[in-house]
C-alpha atoms as a PDB file:
ATOM      1  CA  MET A   1     170.766  44.749  -5.804  1.00  0.00           C
ATOM      2  CA  ASN A   2     168.049  41.904  -6.430  1.00  0.00           C
ATOM      3  CA  GLU A   3     165.555  43.915  -7.903  1.00  0.00           C
ATOM      4  CA  LEU A   4     167.054  42.840 -10.569  1.00  0.00           C
ATOM      5  CA  GLY A   5     164.944  39.439 -10.937  1.00  0.00           C
ATOM      6  CA  ARG A   6     165.858  36.417 -10.331  1.00  0.00           C
ATOM      7  CA  THR A   7     166.216  35.370 -14.461  1.00  0.00           C
ATOM      8  CA  ALA A   8     169.002  38.705 -14.364  1.00  0.00           C
ATOM      9  CA  THR A   9     172.236  37.631 -16.077  1.00  0.00           C
ATOM     10  CA  PRO A  10     176.039  37.529 -13.658  1.00  0.00           C
ATOM     11  CA  ALA A  11     176.722  40.341 -16.252  1.00  0.00           C
ATOM     12  CA  ALA A  12     173.834  42.565 -15.218  1.00  0.00           C
ATOM     13  CA  PHE A  13     174.090  41.491 -11.596  1.00  0.00           C
ATOM     14  CA  VAL A  14     177.867  43.350 -11.201  1.00  0.00           C
ATOM     15  CA  GLU A  15     177.005  46.371 -13.599  1.00  0.00           C
ATOM     16  CA  ALA A  16     173.993  47.530 -11.844  1.00  0.00           C
ATOM     17  CA  ALA A  17     176.334  47.341  -8.299  1.00  0.00           C
ATOM     18  CA  ILE A  18     179.196  49.067 -10.570  1.00  0.00           C
ATOM     19  CA  ASP A  19     176.718  51.772 -12.455  1.00  0.00           C
ATOM     20  CA  SER A  20     174.391  52.603  -9.186  1.00  0.00           C
ATOM     21  CA  ARG A  21     177.932  53.327  -7.303  1.00  0.00           C
ATOM     22  CA  MET A  22     177.788  57.102  -6.706  1.00  0.00           C
ATOM     23  CA  SER A  23     178.915  59.451  -3.439  1.00  0.00           C
ATOM     24  CA  ILE A  24     176.892  59.933  -1.074  1.00  0.00           C
ATOM     25  CA  ARG A  25     176.312  63.272   0.422  1.00  0.00           C
ATOM     26  CA  ALA A  26     174.026  62.040   2.974  1.00  0.00           C
ATOM     27  CA  PHE A  27     173.812  59.025   5.093  1.00  0.00           C
ATOM     28  CA  THR A  28     171.020  57.718   8.167  1.00  0.00           C
ATOM     29  CA  GLN A  29     171.831  56.734  11.490  1.00  0.00           C
ATOM     30  CA  GLN A  30     171.975  53.223  10.431  1.00  0.00           C
ATOM     31  CA  ALA A  31     174.596  50.971  11.675  1.00  0.00           C
ATOM     32  CA  VAL A  32     176.498  48.787   9.863  1.00  0.00           C
ATOM     33  CA  PRO A  33     177.199  45.231  11.109  1.00  0.00           C
ATOM     34  CA  ARG A  34     180.911  44.419  12.083  1.00  0.00           C
ATOM     35  CA  GLU A  35     180.659  41.091   9.751  1.00  0.00           C
ATOM     36  CA  THR A  36     179.593  42.796   6.959  1.00  0.00           C
ATOM     37  CA  ILE A  37     182.728  45.846   7.078  1.00  0.00           C
ATOM     38  CA  ALA A  38     184.835  42.920   7.494  1.00  0.00           C
ATOM     39  CA  HIS A  39     183.516  41.071   4.692  1.00  0.00           C
ATOM     40  CA  LEU A  40     183.579  43.844   2.304  1.00  0.00           C
ATOM     41  CA  LEU A  41     187.123  44.323   3.254  1.00  0.00           C
ATOM     42  CA  GLN A  42     187.806  40.953   2.411  1.00  0.00           C
ATOM     43  CA  VAL A  43     186.087  40.632  -0.968  1.00  0.00           C
ATOM     44  CA  ALA A  44     187.689  44.275  -1.885  1.00  0.00           C
ATOM     45  CA  ALA A  45     191.191  42.025  -0.980  1.00  0.00           C
ATOM     46  CA  ARG A  46     190.795  40.183  -3.869  1.00  0.00           C
ATOM     47  CA  ALA A  47     191.830  43.325  -5.983  1.00  0.00           C
ATOM     48  CA  PRO A  48     195.308  43.205  -8.370  1.00  0.00           C
ATOM     49  CA  SER A  49     198.604  44.365  -6.524  1.00  0.00           C
ATOM     50  CA  GLY A  50     201.840  44.912  -9.023  1.00  0.00           C
ATOM     51  CA  THR A  51     203.394  41.496  -7.499  1.00  0.00           C
ATOM     52  CA  ASN A  52     199.665  40.519  -5.383  1.00  0.00           C
ATOM     53  CA  THR A  53     202.207  43.641  -2.771  1.00  0.00           C
ATOM     54  CA  GLN A  54     198.221  43.719  -1.516  1.00  0.00           C
ATOM     55  CA  PRO A  55     199.484  47.492  -0.215  1.00  0.00           C
ATOM     56  CA  TRP A  56     196.503  48.457   1.730  1.00  0.00           C
ATOM     57  CA  ARG A  57     195.974  49.097   5.475  1.00  0.00           C
ATOM     58  CA  VAL A  58     192.815  50.386   6.657  1.00  0.00           C
ATOM     59  CA  TYR A  59     191.009  51.210   9.675  1.00  0.00           C
ATOM     60  CA  VAL A  60     187.907  51.494  11.025  1.00  0.00           C
ATOM     61  CA  LEU A  61     186.275  54.135  12.859  1.00  0.00           C
ATOM     62  CA  GLN A  62     183.129  54.091  14.185  1.00  0.00           C
ATOM     63  CA  GLY A  63     181.241  55.205  17.208  1.00  0.00           C
ATOM     64  CA  ALA A  64     183.393  57.546  19.648  1.00  0.00           C
ATOM     65  CA  SER A  65     186.459  57.196  17.136  1.00  0.00           C
ATOM     66  CA  ARG A  66     184.832  58.833  14.834  1.00  0.00           C
ATOM     67  CA  ASP A  67     182.706  61.252  17.100  1.00  0.00           C
ATOM     68  CA  ALA A  68     186.054  62.338  18.468  1.00  0.00           C
ATOM     69  CA  LEU A  69     188.354  62.385  14.757  1.00  0.00           C
ATOM     70  CA  ALA A  70     185.461  64.823  12.779  1.00  0.00           C
ATOM     71  CA  ASP A  71     185.977  66.569  16.198  1.00  0.00           C
ATOM     72  CA  LYS A  72     189.064  67.451  15.456  1.00  0.00           C
ATOM     73  CA  VAL A  73     189.196  67.776  11.774  1.00  0.00           C
ATOM     74  CA  CYS A  74     186.714  69.847  11.734  1.00  0.00           C
ATOM     75  CA  ALA A  75     188.450  72.487  14.813  1.00  0.00           C
ATOM     76  CA  ALA A  76     191.145  72.002  12.443  1.00  0.00           C
ATOM     77  CA  HIS A  77     189.011  73.812   9.732  1.00  0.00           C
ATOM     78  CA  ASP A  78     187.651  76.160  11.391  1.00  0.00           C
ATOM     79  CA  ALA A  79     191.054  77.453  12.479  1.00  0.00           C
ATOM     80  CA  ILE A  80     192.099  78.029   8.952  1.00  0.00           C
ATOM     81  CA  ARG A  81     189.186  79.822   7.454  1.00  0.00           C
ATOM     82  CA  ALA A  82     190.262  81.676  10.662  1.00  0.00           C
ATOM     83  CA  ASN A  83     193.428  81.689   9.872  1.00  0.00           C
ATOM     84  CA  PRO A  84     194.316  81.247   6.811  1.00  0.00           C
ATOM     85  CA  ALA A  85     197.877  81.335   7.630  1.00  0.00           C
ATOM     86  CA  LEU A  86     197.488  78.055   9.591  1.00  0.00           C
ATOM     87  CA  GLY A  87     196.756  75.810   5.746  1.00  0.00           C
ATOM     88  CA  ALA A  88     200.641  75.908   6.133  1.00  0.00           C
ATOM     89  CA  GLU A  89     199.971  73.620   7.930  1.00  0.00           C
ATOM     90  CA  TYR A  90     198.333  70.927   6.856  1.00  0.00           C
ATOM     91  CA  ARG A  91     199.904  69.480   3.621  1.00  0.00           C
ATOM     92  CA  GLU A  92     198.871  66.519   1.578  1.00  0.00           C
ATOM     93  CA  GLU A  93     201.727  64.221   0.641  1.00  0.00           C
ATOM     94  CA  TYR A  94     201.133  63.018  -2.584  1.00  0.00           C
ATOM     95  CA  ASP A  95     199.725  65.644  -5.496  1.00  0.00           C
ATOM     96  CA  TYR A  96     195.861  63.665  -5.531  1.00  0.00           C
ATOM     97  CA  TYR A  97     195.230  67.268  -8.049  1.00  0.00           C
ATOM     98  CA  PRO A  98     197.082  68.914 -10.521  1.00  0.00           C
ATOM     99  CA  GLU A  99     198.999  72.356  -9.753  1.00  0.00           C
ATOM    100  CA  LYS A 100     197.365  73.962 -12.694  1.00  0.00           C
ATOM    101  CA  TRP A 101     194.299  73.194 -13.853  1.00  0.00           C
ATOM    102  CA  VAL A 102     193.547  72.970 -17.829  1.00  0.00           C
ATOM    103  CA  SER A 103     190.234  71.925 -19.945  1.00  0.00           C
ATOM    104  CA  PRO A 104     189.030  69.665 -20.278  1.00  0.00           C
ATOM    105  CA  TYR A 105     189.759  68.567 -16.360  1.00  0.00           C
ATOM    106  CA  ILE A 106     189.179  72.077 -14.840  1.00  0.00           C
ATOM    107  CA  ASP A 107     185.611  72.511 -17.185  1.00  0.00           C
ATOM    108  CA  ARG A 108     184.187  68.724 -15.858  1.00  0.00           C
ATOM    109  CA  ARG A 109     185.638  70.066 -11.974  1.00  0.00           C
ATOM    110  CA  ARG A 110     183.538  73.955 -12.086  1.00  0.00           C
ATOM    111  CA  GLU A 111     180.599  71.887 -13.499  1.00  0.00           C
ATOM    112  CA  ASN A 112     180.719  69.075 -10.858  1.00  0.00           C
ATOM    113  CA  GLY A 113     181.349  71.324  -8.139  1.00  0.00           C
ATOM    114  CA  TRP A 114     178.703  74.249  -9.565  1.00  0.00           C
ATOM    115  CA  GLY A 115     176.303  71.044 -10.234  1.00  0.00           C
ATOM    116  CA  LEU A 116     176.857  69.996  -6.120  1.00  0.00           C
ATOM    117  CA  TYR A 117     176.256  73.685  -5.020  1.00  0.00           C
ATOM    118  CA  GLY A 118     172.797  74.633  -7.242  1.00  0.00           C
ATOM    119  CA  LEU A 119     171.493  71.932  -5.830  1.00  0.00           C
ATOM    120  CA  LEU A 120     172.014  72.832  -2.726  1.00  0.00           C
ATOM    121  CA  GLY A 121     171.400  76.506  -2.887  1.00  0.00           C
ATOM    122  CA  ILE A 122     174.532  77.764  -2.292  1.00  0.00           C
ATOM    123  CA  ALA A 123     175.703  80.855  -4.428  1.00  0.00           C
ATOM    124  CA  ARG A 124     178.601  81.924  -5.795  1.00  0.00           C
ATOM    125  CA  GLY A 125     180.674  84.335  -2.989  1.00  0.00           C
ATOM    126  CA  GLU A 126     178.363  82.496  -0.622  1.00  0.00           C
ATOM    127  CA  LYS A 127     181.272  81.388   1.422  1.00  0.00           C
ATOM    128  CA  ASP A 128     179.813  80.407   4.988  1.00  0.00           C
ATOM    129  CA  LYS A 129     177.325  77.992   2.951  1.00  0.00           C
ATOM    130  CA  MET A 130     180.239  76.669   1.518  1.00  0.00           C
ATOM    131  CA  HIS A 131     182.551  76.254   4.487  1.00  0.00           C
ATOM    132  CA  ALA A 132     179.851  74.269   5.945  1.00  0.00           C
ATOM    133  CA  GLN A 133     179.313  71.954   3.646  1.00  0.00           C
ATOM    134  CA  HIS A 134     182.483  71.007   2.763  1.00  0.00           C
ATOM    135  CA  GLN A 135     183.129  70.193   6.612  1.00  0.00           C
ATOM    136  CA  ARG A 136     180.126  67.709   6.108  1.00  0.00           C
ATOM    137  CA  ASN A 137     182.916  66.091   4.400  1.00  0.00           C
ATOM    138  CA  PHE A 138     185.096  65.781   8.233  1.00  0.00           C
ATOM    139  CA  ARG A 139     181.565  64.064   9.724  1.00  0.00           C
ATOM    140  CA  PHE A 140     181.591  61.746   7.032  1.00  0.00           C
ATOM    141  CA  PHE A 141     178.482  63.418   6.042  1.00  0.00           C
ATOM    142  CA  ASP A 142     176.752  61.970   9.016  1.00  0.00           C
ATOM    143  CA  ALA A 143     177.611  58.179   7.950  1.00  0.00           C
ATOM    144  CA  PRO A 144     178.053  55.706  11.005  1.00  0.00           C
ATOM    145  CA  VAL A 145     181.672  54.042   9.270  1.00  0.00           C
ATOM    146  CA  GLY A 146     184.300  56.200   8.496  1.00  0.00           C
ATOM    147  CA  LEU A 147     187.118  53.864   6.826  1.00  0.00           C
ATOM    148  CA  MET A 148     191.204  56.043   6.785  1.00  0.00           C
ATOM    149  CA  PHE A 149     193.191  53.709   3.778  1.00  0.00           C
ATOM    150  CA  THR A 150     197.188  54.255   4.438  1.00  0.00           C
ATOM    151  CA  LEU A 151     199.850  53.095   2.482  1.00  0.00           C
ATOM    152  CA  ASP A 152     203.628  52.083   3.586  1.00  0.00           C
ATOM    153  CA  ARG A 153     206.314  55.644   2.347  1.00  0.00           C
ATOM    154  CA  VAL A 154     208.317  53.282   0.865  1.00  0.00           C
ATOM    155  CA  MET A 155     205.824  51.455  -1.692  1.00  0.00           C
ATOM    156  CA  GLY A 156     206.831  53.556  -5.424  1.00  0.00           C
ATOM    157  CA  ARG A 157     203.370  55.002  -7.178  1.00  0.00           C
ATOM    158  CA  GLY A 158     202.571  51.892  -8.292  1.00  0.00           C
ATOM    159  CA  SER A 159     200.496  51.156  -5.545  1.00  0.00           C
ATOM    160  CA  LEU A 160     198.797  54.059  -5.746  1.00  0.00           C
ATOM    161  CA  LEU A 161     196.880  52.241  -8.376  1.00  0.00           C
ATOM    162  CA  ASP A 162     196.980  49.592  -7.482  1.00  0.00           C
ATOM    163  CA  TYR A 163     195.069  51.030  -3.990  1.00  0.00           C
ATOM    164  CA  GLY A 164     192.729  52.034  -6.530  1.00  0.00           C
ATOM    165  CA  ALA A 165     191.440  48.876  -7.618  1.00  0.00           C
ATOM    166  CA  PHE A 166     191.027  47.437  -3.452  1.00  0.00           C
ATOM    167  CA  LEU A 167     188.855  50.549  -2.836  1.00  0.00           C
ATOM    168  CA  GLN A 168     186.912  50.504  -5.616  1.00  0.00           C
ATOM    169  CA  ASN A 169     186.200  46.641  -5.192  1.00  0.00           C
ATOM    170  CA  ILE A 170     184.831  48.024  -1.576  1.00  0.00           C
ATOM    171  CA  MET A 171     182.563  50.757  -3.270  1.00  0.00           C
ATOM    172  CA  VAL A 172     180.693  48.517  -5.604  1.00  0.00           C
ATOM    173  CA  ALA A 173     180.976  45.619  -3.175  1.00  0.00           C
ATOM    174  CA  ALA A 174     179.124  47.576  -0.845  1.00  0.00           C
ATOM    175  CA  ARG A 175     175.864  47.917  -2.931  1.00  0.00           C
ATOM    176  CA  GLY A 176     175.513  44.561  -2.931  1.00  0.00           C
ATOM    177  CA  HIS A 177     174.934  45.020   0.290  1.00  0.00           C
ATOM    178  CA  GLY A 178     172.618  48.033   0.135  1.00  0.00           C
ATOM    179  CA  LEU A 179     175.153  50.264   1.473  1.00  0.00           C
ATOM    180  CA  HIS A 180     176.365  52.934  -0.545  1.00  0.00           C
ATOM    181  CA  THR A 181     179.872  54.831   0.025  1.00  0.00           C
ATOM    182  CA  CYS A 182     181.821  58.324  -0.222  1.00  0.00           C
ATOM    183  CA  PRO A 183     185.068  58.430  -1.070  1.00  0.00           C
ATOM    184  CA  GLN A 184     187.433  61.477   0.114  1.00  0.00           C
ATOM    185  CA  ALA A 185     190.696  63.132  -0.670  1.00  0.00           C
ATOM    186  CA  ALA A 186     189.718  65.607   1.905  1.00  0.00           C
ATOM    187  CA  TRP A 187     191.255  64.457   3.666  1.00  0.00           C
ATOM    188  CA  ASN A 188     194.181  64.332   3.001  1.00  0.00           C
ATOM    189  CA  GLY A 189     195.658  67.628   4.288  1.00  0.00           C
ATOM    190  CA  PHE A 190     194.482  67.105   7.595  1.00  0.00           C
ATOM    191  CA  ALA A 191     196.944  63.606   8.046  1.00  0.00           C
ATOM    192  CA  LYS A 192     198.652  64.863  11.064  1.00  0.00           C
ATOM    193  CA  ILE A 193     195.871  64.626  12.739  1.00  0.00           C
ATOM    194  CA  ILE A 194     194.499  61.441  10.894  1.00  0.00           C
ATOM    195  CA  LEU A 195     197.629  59.737  11.302  1.00  0.00           C
ATOM    196  CA  PRO A 196     198.131  59.629  15.243  1.00  0.00           C
ATOM    197  CA  HIS A 197     194.149  59.208  15.667  1.00  0.00           C
ATOM    198  CA  ILE A 198     194.036  56.296  14.149  1.00  0.00           C
ATOM    199  CA  GLY A 199     197.236  55.044  15.342  1.00  0.00           C
ATOM    200  CA  ALA A 200     199.426  54.865  12.282  1.00  0.00           C
ATOM    201  CA  GLY A 201     202.894  53.909  12.315  1.00  0.00           C
ATOM    202  CA  GLU A 202     205.653  56.418  11.537  1.00  0.00           C
ATOM    203  CA  GLY A 203     206.274  55.048   7.505  1.00  0.00           C
ATOM    204  CA  GLU A 204     202.500  55.466   7.454  1.00  0.00           C
ATOM    205  CA  MET A 205     201.321  58.113   5.213  1.00  0.00           C
ATOM    206  CA  LEU A 206     196.759  58.893   4.297  1.00  0.00           C
ATOM    207  CA  VAL A 207     195.853  57.965   0.534  1.00  0.00           C
ATOM    208  CA  CYS A 208     192.270  59.135   1.523  1.00  0.00           C
ATOM    209  CA  GLY A 209     188.551  58.379   3.951  1.00  0.00           C
ATOM    210  CA  MET A 210     185.550  57.356   2.654  1.00  0.00           C
ATOM    211  CA  SER A 211     182.029  57.607   4.095  1.00  0.00           C
ATOM    212  CA  LEU A 212     180.572  54.252   4.686  1.00  0.00           C
ATOM    213  CA  GLY A 213     176.205  53.815   5.573  1.00  0.00           C
ATOM    214  CA  TYR A 214     172.883  53.755   4.272  1.00  0.00           C
ATOM    215  CA  ALA A 215     172.384  56.877   2.290  1.00  0.00           C
ATOM    216  CA  ASP A 216     169.158  59.313   3.189  1.00  0.00           C
ATOM    217  CA  GLU A 217     167.349  58.463   0.006  1.00  0.00           C
ATOM    218  CA  THR A 218     165.098  62.095   1.337  1.00  0.00           C
ATOM    219  CA  ALA A 219     167.485  64.291   1.117  1.00  0.00           C
ATOM    220  CA  PRO A 220     168.159  66.448  -2.335  1.00  0.00           C
ATOM    221  CA  VAL A 221     171.418  66.037  -2.118  1.00  0.00           C
ATOM    222  CA  ASN A 222     171.842  61.714  -3.166  1.00  0.00           C
ATOM    223  CA  SER A 223     169.808  63.182  -6.409  1.00  0.00           C
ATOM    224  CA  TYR A 224     173.010  64.277  -7.829  1.00  0.00           C
ATOM    225  CA  ARG A 225     174.634  62.155 -10.396  1.00  0.00           C
ATOM    226  CA  THR A 226     177.695  63.164 -12.134  1.00  0.00           C
ATOM    227  CA  PRO A 227     177.455  62.715 -15.844  1.00  0.00           C
ATOM    228  CA  ARG A 228     179.802  60.853 -17.821  1.00  0.00           C
ATOM    229  CA  VAL A 229     181.810  61.149 -21.456  1.00  0.00           C
ATOM    230  CA  ALA A 230     181.330  58.756 -23.595  1.00  0.00           C
ATOM    231  CA  ALA A 231     183.431  56.154 -23.817  1.00  0.00           C
ATOM    232  CA  ALA A 232     184.054  57.027 -28.027  1.00  0.00           C
ATOM    233  CA  GLU A 233     185.987  60.334 -26.390  1.00  0.00           C
ATOM    234  CA  PHE A 234     188.196  58.769 -24.604  1.00  0.00           C
ATOM    235  CA  THR A 235     188.658  55.642 -26.234  1.00  0.00           C
ATOM    236  CA  THR A 236     191.029  55.077 -30.012  1.00  0.00           C
ATOM    237  CA  TRP A 237     191.160  51.855 -32.201  1.00  0.00           C
ATOM    238  CA  MET A 238     194.381  50.501 -33.695  1.00  0.00           C
ATOM    239  CA  ASP A 239     192.932  47.775 -35.962  1.00  0.00           C
END
């Protein structure tokens, strides 16, 4: 992040890290040092949590463990496509998305999906291409590091709020080291495969996954930047 120059203020560095964070969907094979990953997690642990419960638990997958998990989940993903009835065996433990979509959320979801697919040259109805692109999630978009995050089931819903702060800390801190990330709820439905693979305890549930590495700057997919509504649209001033 030193492209800001030596005269940049601390606020400028922080804001640049936040603003440059985006979901990267194509990574290089450049390795990320273990000490860098450990440092990011330690910094992220300064996230706030209710009564300082610090409910996060992190599993770092690299090399053979990463590849083996990707193979298992991709096989299940392919099997569901061949036999949709198998989808009933793979369910998320908590509702990440609403049961019924309404505006403006469904509009933003569609804008995001078709904006990304349009950039990739995937038209409506091209199910083979859609399936292949969705499965890129389960290869960590080729990132050398995969992260899985779990939460003790005894914790309340407020711990998911705490978890969001922790995850954001990781993603923003990564930018300070020239790294990029992609937070992924796509893994959640495959918890029955993931949790045994990472050795999670019986009391743990999967919160989400994340890809971590160096962005492939030549990949067209990484030119896609999602829009944001102006703060004035979601802010009410009470004088």
